[in-house]
Amino acid sequence: MPTPITLTVKKDGSIECLYTEAFPLRELGKLTIARASMVEFNNETQLWEVNIDGKKIYEHDSREMCLIKERDYLS
């Protein structure tokens, strides 16, 4: 089963969502994309970290687990 996609329509008519290629967002119009988070490997701790707005929200030895947590957090 595909992961549901949540589109938030703002008062100015713009739409916010977590980007995915599973939905043809380009068909809605011109895209403006801004990074909401970072998943990076920390060489010192040897763990992957999820950082949002400069704050570490999760770390794990699996990058995939971090990507899942990132999507859950932002959804």
N, C-alpha and C. Protein backbone atom coordinates (compact mmCIF):
# COMPACT_ATOMS: atom_id res chain seq x y z
N MET A 1 0.84 -1.18 0.00
CA MET A 1 0.00 0.00 0.00
C MET A 1 0.88 1.25 0.00
N PRO A 2 0.62 2.19 -0.91
CA PRO A 2 1.43 3.41 -0.96
C PRO A 2 1.22 4.27 0.28
N THR A 3 2.25 5.05 0.63
CA THR A 3 2.16 5.98 1.74
C THR A 3 1.24 7.13 1.35
N PRO A 4 0.27 7.50 2.20
CA PRO A 4 -0.60 8.63 1.87
C PRO A 4 0.20 9.93 1.77
N ILE A 5 -0.25 10.82 0.92
CA ILE A 5 0.38 12.11 0.74
C ILE A 5 -0.56 13.18 1.27
N THR A 6 -0.06 14.05 2.14
CA THR A 6 -0.88 15.13 2.68
C THR A 6 -0.47 16.43 2.02
N LEU A 7 -1.42 17.09 1.38
CA LEU A 7 -1.21 18.40 0.79
C LEU A 7 -1.93 19.42 1.65
N THR A 8 -1.22 20.46 2.07
CA THR A 8 -1.80 21.52 2.88
C THR A 8 -1.93 22.76 2.01
N VAL A 9 -3.17 23.21 1.78
CA VAL A 9 -3.41 24.40 0.99
C VAL A 9 -3.46 25.60 1.93
N LYS A 10 -2.55 26.55 1.70
CA LYS A 10 -2.46 27.74 2.55
C LYS A 10 -3.42 28.82 2.06
N LYS A 11 -3.65 29.83 2.88
CA LYS A 11 -4.58 30.91 2.54
C LYS A 11 -4.23 31.62 1.24
N ASP A 12 -2.91 31.69 0.94
CA ASP A 12 -2.48 32.38 -0.29
C ASP A 12 -2.59 31.48 -1.53
N GLY A 13 -3.10 30.25 -1.35
CA GLY A 13 -3.27 29.33 -2.47
C GLY A 13 -2.09 28.41 -2.71
N SER A 14 -0.99 28.64 -2.01
CA SER A 14 0.17 27.76 -2.16
C SER A 14 -0.09 26.45 -1.42
N ILE A 15 0.66 25.45 -1.79
CA ILE A 15 0.49 24.11 -1.22
C ILE A 15 1.79 23.68 -0.57
N GLU A 16 1.71 23.11 0.63
CA GLU A 16 2.87 22.56 1.31
C GLU A 16 2.69 21.06 1.44
N CYS A 17 3.80 20.33 1.26
CA CYS A 17 3.76 18.88 1.43
C CYS A 17 5.18 18.35 1.53
N LEU A 18 5.28 17.10 1.93
CA LEU A 18 6.55 16.40 1.90
C LEU A 18 6.73 15.88 0.49
N TYR A 19 7.79 16.31 -0.18
CA TYR A 19 7.98 15.98 -1.60
C TYR A 19 8.11 14.48 -1.81
N THR A 20 7.46 14.00 -2.83
CA THR A 20 7.58 12.62 -3.27
C THR A 20 7.37 12.56 -4.77
N GLU A 21 8.02 11.64 -5.41
CA GLU A 21 7.81 11.45 -6.84
C GLU A 21 6.65 10.48 -7.11
N ALA A 22 6.02 10.00 -6.04
CA ALA A 22 4.89 9.09 -6.17
C ALA A 22 3.63 9.83 -6.62
N PHE A 23 3.64 11.15 -6.53
CA PHE A 23 2.52 11.99 -6.93
C PHE A 23 3.04 13.04 -7.90
N PRO A 24 2.37 13.27 -9.03
CA PRO A 24 2.88 14.22 -10.04
C PRO A 24 2.66 15.68 -9.63
N LEU A 25 3.46 16.15 -8.68
CA LEU A 25 3.29 17.52 -8.17
C LEU A 25 3.44 18.58 -9.25
N ARG A 26 4.24 18.33 -10.26
CA ARG A 26 4.45 19.32 -11.33
C ARG A 26 3.15 19.65 -12.06
N GLU A 27 2.22 18.72 -12.04
CA GLU A 27 0.93 18.97 -12.70
C GLU A 27 0.11 20.05 -11.99
N LEU A 28 0.46 20.37 -10.75
CA LEU A 28 -0.24 21.41 -10.01
C LEU A 28 0.28 22.80 -10.31
N GLY A 29 1.46 22.88 -10.95
CA GLY A 29 2.04 24.18 -11.28
C GLY A 29 3.52 24.22 -10.97
N LYS A 30 4.07 25.42 -10.97
CA LYS A 30 5.50 25.63 -10.71
C LYS A 30 5.85 25.21 -9.29
N LEU A 31 6.94 24.45 -9.15
CA LEU A 31 7.39 24.00 -7.84
C LEU A 31 8.42 24.95 -7.24
N THR A 32 8.32 25.19 -5.96
CA THR A 32 9.34 25.86 -5.17
C THR A 32 9.64 24.92 -4.02
N ILE A 33 10.86 24.41 -3.96
CA ILE A 33 11.20 23.39 -2.98
C ILE A 33 12.23 23.93 -1.99
N ALA A 34 11.94 23.73 -0.70
CA ALA A 34 12.86 24.12 0.36
C ALA A 34 13.09 22.92 1.26
N ARG A 35 14.32 22.69 1.63
CA ARG A 35 14.67 21.56 2.49
C ARG A 35 14.14 21.79 3.89
N ALA A 36 13.41 20.80 4.42
CA ALA A 36 12.84 20.91 5.76
C ALA A 36 13.73 20.25 6.81
N SER A 37 14.58 19.33 6.36
CA SER A 37 15.39 18.58 7.33
C SER A 37 16.67 18.07 6.67
N MET A 38 17.53 17.51 7.50
CA MET A 38 18.78 16.93 7.02
C MET A 38 18.96 15.56 7.67
N VAL A 39 19.32 14.57 6.87
CA VAL A 39 19.72 13.26 7.40
C VAL A 39 21.18 13.10 7.00
N GLU A 40 22.05 13.12 8.01
CA GLU A 40 23.49 13.07 7.75
C GLU A 40 24.16 12.09 8.70
N PHE A 41 25.29 11.55 8.24
CA PHE A 41 26.07 10.63 9.06
C PHE A 41 27.02 11.42 9.94
N ASN A 42 27.04 11.11 11.24
CA ASN A 42 27.93 11.76 12.19
C ASN A 42 29.16 10.86 12.34
N ASN A 43 30.30 11.33 11.85
CA ASN A 43 31.52 10.54 11.89
C ASN A 43 31.99 10.23 13.32
N GLU A 44 31.72 11.13 14.24
CA GLU A 44 32.17 10.92 15.63
C GLU A 44 31.35 9.84 16.34
N THR A 45 30.03 9.91 16.21
CA THR A 45 29.17 8.95 16.90
C THR A 45 28.95 7.67 16.10
N GLN A 46 29.26 7.75 14.78
CA GLN A 46 29.04 6.64 13.86
C GLN A 46 27.56 6.29 13.74
N LEU A 47 26.72 7.33 13.83
CA LEU A 47 25.28 7.17 13.70
C LEU A 47 24.73 8.14 12.67
N TRP A 48 23.61 7.78 12.07
CA TRP A 48 22.88 8.69 11.21
C TRP A 48 22.02 9.57 12.10
N GLU A 49 21.88 10.85 11.75
CA GLU A 49 21.10 11.80 12.53
C GLU A 49 20.06 12.50 11.66
N VAL A 50 18.89 12.73 12.26
CA VAL A 50 17.85 13.54 11.62
C VAL A 50 17.85 14.89 12.33
N ASN A 51 18.09 15.95 11.57
CA ASN A 51 18.11 17.31 12.11
C ASN A 51 17.03 18.13 11.43
N ILE A 52 16.20 18.78 12.26
CA ILE A 52 15.15 19.65 11.74
C ILE A 52 15.27 20.99 12.47
N ASP A 53 15.37 22.06 11.68
CA ASP A 53 15.55 23.41 12.24
C ASP A 53 16.74 23.47 13.18
N GLY A 54 17.82 22.77 12.83
CA GLY A 54 19.05 22.80 13.62
C GLY A 54 19.01 21.95 14.88
N LYS A 55 17.94 21.20 15.09
CA LYS A 55 17.79 20.39 16.29
C LYS A 55 17.78 18.90 15.92
N LYS A 56 18.61 18.12 16.61
CA LYS A 56 18.64 16.68 16.35
C LYS A 56 17.40 16.05 16.98
N ILE A 57 16.58 15.38 16.14
CA ILE A 57 15.36 14.76 16.66
C ILE A 57 15.46 13.25 16.75
N TYR A 58 16.50 12.67 16.11
CA TYR A 58 16.60 11.21 16.10
C TYR A 58 17.97 10.82 15.60
N GLU A 59 18.47 9.69 16.10
CA GLU A 59 19.72 9.12 15.58
C GLU A 59 19.61 7.60 15.61
N HIS A 60 20.28 6.96 14.66
CA HIS A 60 20.22 5.51 14.56
C HIS A 60 21.37 5.06 13.68
N ASP A 61 21.74 3.78 13.80
CA ASP A 61 22.81 3.27 12.94
C ASP A 61 22.31 2.93 11.53
N SER A 62 20.99 2.98 11.34
CA SER A 62 20.40 2.71 10.03
C SER A 62 19.90 4.01 9.40
N ARG A 63 20.41 4.32 8.21
CA ARG A 63 19.94 5.51 7.50
C ARG A 63 18.47 5.37 7.15
N GLU A 64 18.05 4.17 6.76
CA GLU A 64 16.65 3.94 6.39
C GLU A 64 15.72 4.24 7.56
N MET A 65 16.11 3.83 8.77
CA MET A 65 15.30 4.13 9.95
C MET A 65 15.19 5.64 10.16
N CYS A 66 16.28 6.35 9.91
CA CYS A 66 16.26 7.80 10.04
C CYS A 66 15.33 8.43 9.00
N LEU A 67 15.35 7.92 7.78
CA LEU A 67 14.47 8.45 6.74
C LEU A 67 13.00 8.21 7.09
N ILE A 68 12.71 7.05 7.67
CA ILE A 68 11.34 6.75 8.10
C ILE A 68 10.92 7.72 9.21
N LYS A 69 11.79 7.93 10.19
CA LYS A 69 11.49 8.84 11.31
C LYS A 69 11.31 10.27 10.78
N GLU A 70 12.15 10.67 9.82
CA GLU A 70 12.04 11.98 9.23
C GLU A 70 10.67 12.17 8.58
N ARG A 71 10.26 11.21 7.77
CA ARG A 71 8.95 11.29 7.10
C ARG A 71 7.81 11.32 8.13
N ASP A 72 7.90 10.47 9.14
CA ASP A 72 6.86 10.45 10.18
C ASP A 72 6.77 11.80 10.89
N TYR A 73 7.91 12.37 11.21
CA TYR A 73 7.95 13.64 11.94
C TYR A 73 7.36 14.78 11.11
N LEU A 74 7.67 14.79 9.82
CA LEU A 74 7.24 15.88 8.97
C LEU A 74 5.82 15.71 8.43
N SER A 75 5.28 14.53 8.54
CA SER A 75 3.93 14.28 8.01
C SER A 75 2.84 14.75 8.95
